[in-house]
Amino acid sequence: HVSPGTVIHSDEWAAYNRVGSLSNVGSHSTVNHSITFVDPATGTHTQHIESYWNRCKTKLKRMKGCHEEQLPSYLDKFMWREQHGMSRILAFDNIMRDIAA
């Protein structure tokens, strides 16, 4: 599921070669990790998403993994907690604010 006009940055792994031809993709920029981690000409990099995914995997490892069918739910929860509060108190306060709005 890709929103119209989405800009995608990836490394040059062969599986990503056709990403730019997918419907709704506005543009697809790549970085060659065998040369550099940030493309000097375009500034394209994958550092943010790789760091984010690493934090998510660390959380799943602490949980001793999860069932495959539950992964989307755990990813949703991880992303929500990243945006709305890592502590239980902050998360609770934010969800109550969102419900009241």
PDB file of N, CA and C in Angstrom:
ATOM      1  N   HIS A   1       0.849  -1.172   0.000  1.00  0.00           N
ATOM      2  CA  HIS A   1       0.000   0.000   0.000  1.00  0.00           C
ATOM      3  C   HIS A   1       0.894   1.235   0.000  1.00  0.00           C
ATOM      4  N   VAL A   2       0.791   2.007  -1.060  1.00  0.00           N
ATOM      5  CA  VAL A   2       1.627   3.191  -1.218  1.00  0.00           C
ATOM      6  C   VAL A   2       0.728   4.377  -1.523  1.00  0.00           C
ATOM      7  N   SER A   3       0.888   5.453  -0.773  1.00  0.00           N
ATOM      8  CA  SER A   3       0.101   6.659  -1.030  1.00  0.00           C
ATOM      9  C   SER A   3       0.579   7.323  -2.314  1.00  0.00           C
ATOM     10  N   PRO A   4      -0.321   7.979  -3.039  1.00  0.00           N
ATOM     11  CA  PRO A   4       0.072   8.644  -4.288  1.00  0.00           C
ATOM     12  C   PRO A   4       1.200   9.661  -4.059  1.00  0.00           C
ATOM     13  N   GLY A   5       2.186   9.635  -4.934  1.00  0.00           N
ATOM     14  CA  GLY A   5       3.293  10.582  -4.860  1.00  0.00           C
ATOM     15  C   GLY A   5       4.373  10.235  -3.849  1.00  0.00           C
ATOM     16  N   THR A   6       4.319   9.046  -3.272  1.00  0.00           N
ATOM     17  CA  THR A   6       5.288   8.644  -2.257  1.00  0.00           C
ATOM     18  C   THR A   6       6.715   8.676  -2.813  1.00  0.00           C
ATOM     19  N   VAL A   7       7.622   9.218  -2.009  1.00  0.00           N
ATOM     20  CA  VAL A   7       9.047   9.246  -2.346  1.00  0.00           C
ATOM     21  C   VAL A   7       9.703   8.101  -1.597  1.00  0.00           C
ATOM     22  N   ILE A   8      10.403   7.228  -2.309  1.00  0.00           N
ATOM     23  CA  ILE A   8      11.039   6.068  -1.693  1.00  0.00           C
ATOM     24  C   ILE A   8      12.545   6.155  -1.860  1.00  0.00           C
ATOM     25  N   HIS A   9      13.256   5.939  -0.761  1.00  0.00           N
ATOM     26  CA  HIS A   9      14.708   5.871  -0.758  1.00  0.00           C
ATOM     27  C   HIS A   9      15.082   4.448  -0.366  1.00  0.00           C
ATOM     28  N   SER A  10      15.986   3.830  -1.108  1.00  0.00           N
ATOM     29  CA  SER A  10      16.415   2.473  -0.768  1.00  0.00           C
ATOM     30  C   SER A  10      17.875   2.292  -1.126  1.00  0.00           C
ATOM     31  N   ASP A  11      18.413   1.157  -0.713  1.00  0.00           N
ATOM     32  CA  ASP A  11      19.746   0.810  -1.195  1.00  0.00           C
ATOM     33  C   ASP A  11      19.565   0.152  -2.564  1.00  0.00           C
ATOM     34  N   GLU A  12      20.623  -0.341  -3.138  1.00  0.00           N
ATOM     35  CA  GLU A  12      20.549  -0.878  -4.496  1.00  0.00           C
ATOM     36  C   GLU A  12      20.398  -2.390  -4.536  1.00  0.00           C
ATOM     37  N   TRP A  13      19.770  -2.956  -3.507  1.00  0.00           N
ATOM     38  CA  TRP A  13      19.485  -4.387  -3.504  1.00  0.00           C
ATOM     39  C   TRP A  13      18.614  -4.694  -4.719  1.00  0.00           C
ATOM     40  N   ALA A  14      18.913  -5.759  -5.424  1.00  0.00           N
ATOM     41  CA  ALA A  14      18.246  -6.084  -6.688  1.00  0.00           C
ATOM     42  C   ALA A  14      16.724  -6.153  -6.567  1.00  0.00           C
ATOM     43  N   ALA A  15      16.210  -6.578  -5.439  1.00  0.00           N
ATOM     44  CA  ALA A  15      14.759  -6.692  -5.260  1.00  0.00           C
ATOM     45  C   ALA A  15      14.061  -5.336  -5.347  1.00  0.00           C
ATOM     46  N   TYR A  16      14.799  -4.241  -5.169  1.00  0.00           N
ATOM     47  CA  TYR A  16      14.209  -2.901  -5.213  1.00  0.00           C
ATOM     48  C   TYR A  16      14.270  -2.275  -6.606  1.00  0.00           C
ATOM     49  N   ASN A  17      14.808  -2.973  -7.594  1.00  0.00           N
ATOM     50  CA  ASN A  17      15.011  -2.392  -8.926  1.00  0.00           C
ATOM     51  C   ASN A  17      13.734  -1.835  -9.552  1.00  0.00           C
ATOM     52  N   ARG A  18      12.599  -2.457  -9.299  1.00  0.00           N
ATOM     53  CA  ARG A  18      11.350  -2.037  -9.954  1.00  0.00           C
ATOM     54  C   ARG A  18      10.450  -1.198  -9.053  1.00  0.00           C
ATOM     55  N   VAL A  19      10.941  -0.777  -7.912  1.00  0.00           N
ATOM     56  CA  VAL A  19      10.114   0.003  -6.994  1.00  0.00           C
ATOM     57  C   VAL A  19       9.581   1.264  -7.673  1.00  0.00           C
ATOM     58  N   GLY A  20      10.420   1.930  -8.448  1.00  0.00           N
ATOM     59  CA  GLY A  20       9.998   3.158  -9.112  1.00  0.00           C
ATOM     60  C   GLY A  20       8.858   2.970 -10.094  1.00  0.00           C
ATOM     61  N   SER A  21       8.641   1.758 -10.568  1.00  0.00           N
ATOM     62  CA  SER A  21       7.561   1.502 -11.535  1.00  0.00           C
ATOM     63  C   SER A  21       6.247   1.101 -10.857  1.00  0.00           C
ATOM     64  N   LEU A  22       6.240   0.986  -9.538  1.00  0.00           N
ATOM     65  CA  LEU A  22       5.003   0.653  -8.827  1.00  0.00           C
ATOM     66  C   LEU A  22       4.027   1.825  -8.910  1.00  0.00           C
ATOM     67  N   SER A  23       2.728   1.506  -8.918  1.00  0.00           N
ATOM     68  CA  SER A  23       1.741   2.581  -8.971  1.00  0.00           C
ATOM     69  C   SER A  23       1.838   3.433  -7.712  1.00  0.00           C
ATOM     70  N   ASN A  24       1.613   4.702  -7.871  1.00  0.00           N
ATOM     71  CA  ASN A  24       1.613   5.720  -6.812  1.00  0.00           C
ATOM     72  C   ASN A  24       2.994   6.172  -6.367  1.00  0.00           C
ATOM     73  N   VAL A  25       4.073   5.497  -6.779  1.00  0.00           N
ATOM     74  CA  VAL A  25       5.411   5.925  -6.372  1.00  0.00           C
ATOM     75  C   VAL A  25       5.770   7.179  -7.163  1.00  0.00           C
ATOM     76  N   GLY A  26       6.013   8.267  -6.441  1.00  0.00           N
ATOM     77  CA  GLY A  26       6.377   9.520  -7.089  1.00  0.00           C
ATOM     78  C   GLY A  26       7.802   9.498  -7.597  1.00  0.00           C
ATOM     79  N   SER A  27       8.710   9.027  -6.751  1.00  0.00           N
ATOM     80  CA  SER A  27      10.105   8.894  -7.168  1.00  0.00           C
ATOM     81  C   SER A  27      10.796   7.846  -6.309  1.00  0.00           C
ATOM     82  N   HIS A  28      11.877   7.296  -6.849  1.00  0.00           N
ATOM     83  CA  HIS A  28      12.664   6.278  -6.153  1.00  0.00           C
ATOM     84  C   HIS A  28      14.137   6.628  -6.306  1.00  0.00           C
ATOM     85  N   SER A  29      14.791   6.955  -5.200  1.00  0.00           N
ATOM     86  CA  SER A  29      16.217   7.259  -5.185  1.00  0.00           C
ATOM     87  C   SER A  29      16.947   6.151  -4.458  1.00  0.00           C
ATOM     88  N   THR A  30      18.173   5.876  -4.890  1.00  0.00           N
ATOM     89  CA  THR A  30      18.944   4.794  -4.275  1.00  0.00           C
ATOM     90  C   THR A  30      20.301   5.283  -3.813  1.00  0.00           C
ATOM     91  N   VAL A  31      20.896   4.494  -2.934  1.00  0.00           N
ATOM     92  CA  VAL A  31      22.267   4.712  -2.492  1.00  0.00           C
ATOM     93  C   VAL A  31      22.992   3.376  -2.598  1.00  0.00           C
ATOM     94  N   ASN A  32      24.202   3.418  -3.101  1.00  0.00           N
ATOM     95  CA  ASN A  32      25.011   2.211  -3.255  1.00  0.00           C
ATOM     96  C   ASN A  32      25.852   2.033  -1.992  1.00  0.00           C
ATOM     97  N   HIS A  33      25.444   1.126  -1.113  1.00  0.00           N
ATOM     98  CA  HIS A  33      26.127   0.940   0.164  1.00  0.00           C
ATOM     99  C   HIS A  33      27.527   0.359   0.028  1.00  0.00           C
ATOM    100  N   SER A  34      27.864  -0.198  -1.121  1.00  0.00           N
ATOM    101  CA  SER A  34      29.241  -0.684  -1.288  1.00  0.00           C
ATOM    102  C   SER A  34      30.203   0.474  -1.527  1.00  0.00           C
ATOM    103  N   ILE A  35      29.648   1.660  -1.814  1.00  0.00           N
ATOM    104  CA  ILE A  35      30.480   2.851  -2.037  1.00  0.00           C
ATOM    105  C   ILE A  35      30.351   3.837  -0.883  1.00  0.00           C
ATOM    106  N   THR A  36      29.111   4.105  -0.455  1.00  0.00           N
ATOM    107  CA  THR A  36      28.867   5.103   0.581  1.00  0.00           C
ATOM    108  C   THR A  36      27.518   4.833   1.250  1.00  0.00           C
ATOM    109  N   PHE A  37      27.297   5.453   2.387  1.00  0.00           N
ATOM    110  CA  PHE A  37      26.007   5.295   3.059  1.00  0.00           C
ATOM    111  C   PHE A  37      25.076   6.470   2.800  1.00  0.00           C
ATOM    112  N   VAL A  38      25.634   7.577   2.297  1.00  0.00           N
ATOM    113  CA  VAL A  38      24.841   8.731   1.888  1.00  0.00           C
ATOM    114  C   VAL A  38      25.313   9.129   0.502  1.00  0.00           C
ATOM    115  N   ASP A  39      24.393   9.137  -0.467  1.00  0.00           N
ATOM    116  CA  ASP A  39      24.768   9.517  -1.824  1.00  0.00           C
ATOM    117  C   ASP A  39      25.182  10.989  -1.838  1.00  0.00           C
ATOM    118  N   PRO A  40      26.423  11.295  -2.209  1.00  0.00           N
ATOM    119  CA  PRO A  40      26.894  12.687  -2.145  1.00  0.00           C
ATOM    120  C   PRO A  40      26.170  13.615  -3.124  1.00  0.00           C
ATOM    121  N   ALA A  41      25.660  13.078  -4.215  1.00  0.00           N
ATOM    122  CA  ALA A  41      24.987  13.919  -5.206  1.00  0.00           C
ATOM    123  C   ALA A  41      23.545  14.230  -4.817  1.00  0.00           C
ATOM    124  N   THR A  42      22.829  13.245  -4.265  1.00  0.00           N
ATOM    125  CA  THR A  42      21.398  13.432  -3.981  1.00  0.00           C
ATOM    126  C   THR A  42      21.070  13.532  -2.502  1.00  0.00           C
ATOM    127  N   GLY A  43      21.992  13.080  -1.644  1.00  0.00           N
ATOM    128  CA  GLY A  43      21.715  13.043  -0.208  1.00  0.00           C
ATOM    129  C   GLY A  43      20.877  11.843   0.212  1.00  0.00           C
ATOM    130  N   THR A  44      20.568  10.968  -0.743  1.00  0.00           N
ATOM    131  CA  THR A  44      19.755   9.788  -0.442  1.00  0.00           C
ATOM    132  C   THR A  44      20.478   8.891   0.554  1.00  0.00           C
ATOM    133  N   HIS A  45      19.750   8.438   1.563  1.00  0.00           N
ATOM    134  CA  HIS A  45      20.292   7.483   2.530  1.00  0.00           C
ATOM    135  C   HIS A  45      19.147   6.667   3.118  1.00  0.00           C
ATOM    136  N   THR A  46      19.495   5.585   3.784  1.00  0.00           N
ATOM    137  CA  THR A  46      18.492   4.727   4.419  1.00  0.00           C
ATOM    138  C   THR A  46      18.731   4.638   5.924  1.00  0.00           C
ATOM    139  N   GLN A  47      19.497   5.562   6.461  1.00  0.00           N
ATOM    140  CA  GLN A  47      19.890   5.477   7.862  1.00  0.00           C
ATOM    141  C   GLN A  47      18.715   5.569   8.826  1.00  0.00           C
ATOM    142  N   HIS A  48      17.738   6.440   8.558  1.00  0.00           N
ATOM    143  CA  HIS A  48      16.610   6.584   9.481  1.00  0.00           C
ATOM    144  C   HIS A  48      15.780   5.311   9.563  1.00  0.00           C
ATOM    145  N   ILE A  49      15.424   4.755   8.415  1.00  0.00           N
ATOM    146  CA  ILE A  49      14.572   3.559   8.443  1.00  0.00           C
ATOM    147  C   ILE A  49      15.335   2.365   8.996  1.00  0.00           C
ATOM    148  N   GLU A  50      16.627   2.283   8.721  1.00  0.00           N
ATOM    149  CA  GLU A  50      17.412   1.166   9.266  1.00  0.00           C
ATOM    150  C   GLU A  50      17.533   1.279  10.780  1.00  0.00           C
ATOM    151  N   SER A  51      17.688   2.490  11.293  1.00  0.00           N
ATOM    152  CA  SER A  51      17.737   2.697  12.738  1.00  0.00           C
ATOM    153  C   SER A  51      16.385   2.369  13.376  1.00  0.00           C
ATOM    154  N   TYR A  52      15.306   2.801  12.733  1.00  0.00           N
ATOM    155  CA  TYR A  52      13.955   2.538  13.230  1.00  0.00           C
ATOM    156  C   TYR A  52      13.686   1.036  13.272  1.00  0.00           C
ATOM    157  N   TRP A  53      14.021   0.342  12.182  1.00  0.00           N
ATOM    158  CA  TRP A  53      13.801  -1.101  12.110  1.00  0.00           C
ATOM    159  C   TRP A  53      14.641  -1.825  13.153  1.00  0.00           C
ATOM    160  N   ASN A  54      15.855  -1.340  13.411  1.00  0.00           N
ATOM    161  CA  ASN A  54      16.704  -1.948  14.438  1.00  0.00           C
ATOM    162  C   ASN A  54      16.057  -1.827  15.820  1.00  0.00           C
ATOM    163  N   ARG A  55      15.484  -0.658  16.131  1.00  0.00           N
ATOM    164  CA  ARG A  55      14.788  -0.489  17.421  1.00  0.00           C
ATOM    165  C   ARG A  55      13.595  -1.430  17.522  1.00  0.00           C
ATOM    166  N   CYS A  56      12.884  -1.582  16.418  1.00  0.00           N
ATOM    167  CA  CYS A  56      11.722  -2.482  16.404  1.00  0.00           C
ATOM    168  C   CYS A  56      12.152  -3.934  16.611  1.00  0.00           C
ATOM    169  N   LYS A  57      13.197  -4.359  15.912  1.00  0.00           N
ATOM    170  CA  LYS A  57      13.680  -5.737  16.068  1.00  0.00           C
ATOM    171  C   LYS A  57      14.175  -5.983  17.488  1.00  0.00           C
ATOM    172  N   THR A  58      14.820  -4.982  18.081  1.00  0.00           N
ATOM    173  CA  THR A  58      15.296  -5.112  19.462  1.00  0.00           C
ATOM    174  C   THR A  58      14.121  -5.338  20.401  1.00  0.00           C
ATOM    175  N   LYS A  59      13.038  -4.597  20.191  1.00  0.00           N
ATOM    176  CA  LYS A  59      11.831  -4.761  21.010  1.00  0.00           C
ATOM    177  C   LYS A  59      11.251  -6.164  20.842  1.00  0.00           C
ATOM    178  N   LEU A  60      11.175  -6.645  19.600  1.00  0.00           N
ATOM    179  CA  LEU A  60      10.642  -7.981  19.357  1.00  0.00           C
ATOM    180  C   LEU A  60      11.528  -9.059  19.979  1.00  0.00           C
ATOM    181  N   LYS A  61      12.842  -8.861  19.955  1.00  0.00           N
ATOM    182  CA  LYS A  61      13.752  -9.834  20.575  1.00  0.00           C
ATOM    183  C   LYS A  61      13.555  -9.879  22.078  1.00  0.00           C
ATOM    184  N   ARG A  62      13.335  -8.704  22.696  1.00  0.00           N
ATOM    185  CA  ARG A  62      13.084  -8.685  24.146  1.00  0.00           C
ATOM    186  C   ARG A  62      11.799  -9.409  24.489  1.00  0.00           C
ATOM    187  N   MET A  63      10.846  -9.397  23.551  1.00  0.00           N
ATOM    188  CA  MET A  63       9.575 -10.094  23.761  1.00  0.00           C
ATOM    189  C   MET A  63       9.704 -11.580  23.423  1.00  0.00           C
ATOM    190  N   LYS A  64      10.876 -12.019  23.019  1.00  0.00           N
ATOM    191  CA  LYS A  64      11.114 -13.405  22.581  1.00  0.00           C
ATOM    192  C   LYS A  64      10.330 -13.713  21.304  1.00  0.00           C
ATOM    193  N   GLY A  65      10.160 -12.670  20.442  1.00  0.00           N
ATOM    194  CA  GLY A  65       9.483 -12.840  19.161  1.00  0.00           C
ATOM    195  C   GLY A  65       7.973 -12.766  19.297  1.00  0.00           C
ATOM    196  N   CYS A  66       7.305 -13.093  18.207  1.00  0.00           N
ATOM    197  CA  CYS A  66       5.845 -13.118  18.203  1.00  0.00           C
ATOM    198  C   CYS A  66       5.389 -14.032  17.065  1.00  0.00           C
ATOM    199  N   HIS A  67       4.126 -14.402  17.096  1.00  0.00           N
ATOM    200  CA  HIS A  67       3.565 -15.210  16.016  1.00  0.00           C
ATOM    201  C   HIS A  67       3.446 -14.342  14.770  1.00  0.00           C
ATOM    202  N   GLU A  68       3.665 -14.953  13.609  1.00  0.00           N
ATOM    203  CA  GLU A  68       3.652 -14.214  12.352  1.00  0.00           C
ATOM    204  C   GLU A  68       2.362 -13.421  12.149  1.00  0.00           C
ATOM    205  N   GLU A  69       1.229 -14.008  12.505  1.00  0.00           N
ATOM    206  CA  GLU A  69      -0.039 -13.313  12.288  1.00  0.00           C
ATOM    207  C   GLU A  69      -0.212 -12.111  13.216  1.00  0.00           C
ATOM    208  N   GLN A  70       0.573 -12.056  14.301  1.00  0.00           N
ATOM    209  CA  GLN A  70       0.490 -10.924  15.225  1.00  0.00           C
ATOM    210  C   GLN A  70       1.471  -9.805  14.884  1.00  0.00           C
ATOM    211  N   LEU A  71       2.388 -10.047  13.962  1.00  0.00           N
ATOM    212  CA  LEU A  71       3.420  -9.057  13.644  1.00  0.00           C
ATOM    213  C   LEU A  71       2.836  -7.704  13.238  1.00  0.00           C
ATOM    214  N   PRO A  72       1.840  -7.631  12.339  1.00  0.00           N
ATOM    215  CA  PRO A  72       1.301  -6.309  11.997  1.00  0.00           C
ATOM    216  C   PRO A  72       0.788  -5.539  13.211  1.00  0.00           C
ATOM    217  N   SER A  73       0.147  -6.230  14.134  1.00  0.00           N
ATOM    218  CA  SER A  73      -0.363  -5.580  15.336  1.00  0.00           C
ATOM    219  C   SER A  73       0.784  -5.058  16.209  1.00  0.00           C
ATOM    220  N   TYR A  74       1.836  -5.866  16.379  1.00  0.00           N
ATOM    221  CA  TYR A  74       2.986  -5.424  17.162  1.00  0.00           C
ATOM    222  C   TYR A  74       3.699  -4.253  16.495  1.00  0.00           C
ATOM    223  N   LEU A  75       3.786  -4.258  15.163  1.00  0.00           N
ATOM    224  CA  LEU A  75       4.401  -3.134  14.451  1.00  0.00           C
ATOM    225  C   LEU A  75       3.573  -1.869  14.626  1.00  0.00           C
ATOM    226  N   ASP A  76       2.237  -2.001  14.542  1.00  0.00           N
ATOM    227  CA  ASP A  76       1.363  -0.852  14.774  1.00  0.00           C
ATOM    228  C   ASP A  76       1.579  -0.282  16.174  1.00  0.00           C
ATOM    229  N   LYS A  77       1.627  -1.160  17.156  1.00  0.00           N
ATOM    230  CA  LYS A  77       1.818  -0.715  18.538  1.00  0.00           C
ATOM    231  C   LYS A  77       3.176  -0.049  18.701  1.00  0.00           C
ATOM    232  N   PHE A  78       4.213  -0.618  18.117  1.00  0.00           N
ATOM    233  CA  PHE A  78       5.553  -0.038  18.212  1.00  0.00           C
ATOM    234  C   PHE A  78       5.559   1.366  17.611  1.00  0.00           C
ATOM    235  N   MET A  79       4.975   1.517  16.428  1.00  0.00           N
ATOM    236  CA  MET A  79       4.962   2.837  15.780  1.00  0.00           C
ATOM    237  C   MET A  79       4.158   3.841  16.590  1.00  0.00           C
ATOM    238  N   TRP A  80       3.017   3.406  17.157  1.00  0.00           N
ATOM    239  CA  TRP A  80       2.206   4.310  17.965  1.00  0.00           C
ATOM    240  C   TRP A  80       2.974   4.763  19.199  1.00  0.00           C
ATOM    241  N   ARG A  81       3.631   3.798  19.865  1.00  0.00           N
ATOM    242  CA  ARG A  81       4.396   4.143  21.068  1.00  0.00           C
ATOM    243  C   ARG A  81       5.552   5.079  20.748  1.00  0.00           C
ATOM    244  N   GLU A  82       6.199   4.894  19.602  1.00  0.00           N
ATOM    245  CA  GLU A  82       7.287   5.785  19.194  1.00  0.00           C
ATOM    246  C   GLU A  82       6.781   7.216  19.031  1.00  0.00           C
ATOM    247  N   GLN A  83       5.556   7.372  18.537  1.00  0.00           N
ATOM    248  CA  GLN A  83       5.015   8.707  18.290  1.00  0.00           C
ATOM    249  C   GLN A  83       4.333   9.320  19.501  1.00  0.00           C
ATOM    250  N   HIS A  84       3.734   8.499  20.358  1.00  0.00           N
ATOM    251  CA  HIS A  84       2.859   9.025  21.400  1.00  0.00           C
ATOM    252  C   HIS A  84       3.313   8.790  22.823  1.00  0.00           C
ATOM    253  N   GLY A  85       4.408   8.108  23.021  1.00  0.00           N
ATOM    254  CA  GLY A  85       4.885   7.958  24.386  1.00  0.00           C
ATOM    255  C   GLY A  85       5.454   6.598  24.674  1.00  0.00           C
ATOM    256  N   MET A  86       6.703   6.594  25.065  1.00  0.00           N
ATOM    257  CA  MET A  86       7.378   5.333  25.348  1.00  0.00           C
ATOM    258  C   MET A  86       7.015   4.796  26.728  1.00  0.00           C
ATOM    259  N   SER A  87       6.705   5.681  27.670  1.00  0.00           N
ATOM    260  CA  SER A  87       6.339   5.203  29.003  1.00  0.00           C
ATOM    261  C   SER A  87       4.839   4.926  29.046  1.00  0.00           C
ATOM    262  N   ARG A  88       4.432   4.058  29.947  1.00  0.00           N
ATOM    263  CA  ARG A  88       3.008   3.730  30.067  1.00  0.00           C
ATOM    264  C   ARG A  88       2.190   4.954  30.446  1.00  0.00           C
ATOM    265  N   ILE A  89       2.716   5.790  31.338  1.00  0.00           N
ATOM    266  CA  ILE A  89       1.986   6.992  31.777  1.00  0.00           C
ATOM    267  C   ILE A  89       1.784   7.942  30.604  1.00  0.00           C
ATOM    268  N   LEU A  90       2.857   8.222  29.873  1.00  0.00           N
ATOM    269  CA  LEU A  90       2.760   9.137  28.739  1.00  0.00           C
ATOM    270  C   LEU A  90       1.843   8.565  27.659  1.00  0.00           C
ATOM    271  N   ALA A  91       1.950   7.280  27.385  1.00  0.00           N
ATOM    272  CA  ALA A  91       1.080   6.645  26.389  1.00  0.00           C
ATOM    273  C   ALA A  91      -0.385   6.747  26.818  1.00  0.00           C
ATOM    274  N   PHE A  92      -0.658   6.481  28.103  1.00  0.00           N
ATOM    275  CA  PHE A  92      -2.025   6.563  28.613  1.00  0.00           C
ATOM    276  C   PHE A  92      -2.557   7.987  28.486  1.00  0.00           C
ATOM    277  N   ASP A  93      -1.760   8.969  28.896  1.00  0.00           N
ATOM    278  CA  ASP A  93      -2.186  10.367  28.806  1.00  0.00           C
ATOM    279  C   ASP A  93      -2.498  10.754  27.356  1.00  0.00           C
ATOM    280  N   ASN A  94      -1.663  10.304  26.442  1.00  0.00           N
ATOM    281  CA  ASN A  94      -1.868  10.651  25.035  1.00  0.00           C
ATOM    282  C   ASN A  94      -3.084   9.949  24.439  1.00  0.00           C
ATOM    283  N   ILE A  95      -3.316   8.702  24.796  1.00  0.00           N
ATOM    284  CA  ILE A  95      -4.502   8.024  24.240  1.00  0.00           C
ATOM    285  C   ILE A  95      -5.775   8.635  24.818  1.00  0.00           C
ATOM    286  N   MET A  96      -5.754   9.042  26.073  1.00  0.00           N
ATOM    287  CA  MET A  96      -6.926   9.693  26.652  1.00  0.00           C
ATOM    288  C   MET A  96      -7.174  11.039  25.968  1.00  0.00           C
ATOM    289  N   ARG A  97      -6.117  11.771  25.660  1.00  0.00           N
ATOM    290  CA  ARG A  97      -6.253  13.039  24.942  1.00  0.00           C
ATOM    291  C   ARG A  97      -6.850  12.800  23.555  1.00  0.00           C
ATOM    292  N   ASP A  98      -6.361  11.762  22.860  1.00  0.00           N
ATOM    293  CA  ASP A  98      -6.856  11.447  21.515  1.00  0.00           C
ATOM    294  C   ASP A  98      -8.321  11.024  21.541  1.00  0.00           C
ATOM    295  N   ILE A  99      -8.718  10.274  22.542  1.00  0.00           N
ATOM    296  CA  ILE A  99     -10.111   9.840  22.666  1.00  0.00           C
ATOM    297  C   ILE A  99     -11.015  11.053  22.934  1.00  0.00           C
ATOM    298  N   ALA A 100     -10.542  11.962  23.769  1.00  0.00           N
ATOM    299  CA  ALA A 100     -11.345  13.130  24.142  1.00  0.00           C
ATOM    300  C   ALA A 100     -11.466  14.142  23.007  1.00  0.00           C
ATOM    301  N   ALA A 101     -10.538  14.091  22.052  1.00  0.00           N
ATOM    302  CA  ALA A 101     -10.534  15.107  20.960  1.00  0.00           C
ATOM    303  C   ALA A 101     -11.636  14.897  19.977  1.00  0.00           C
TER     304      ALA A 101
END
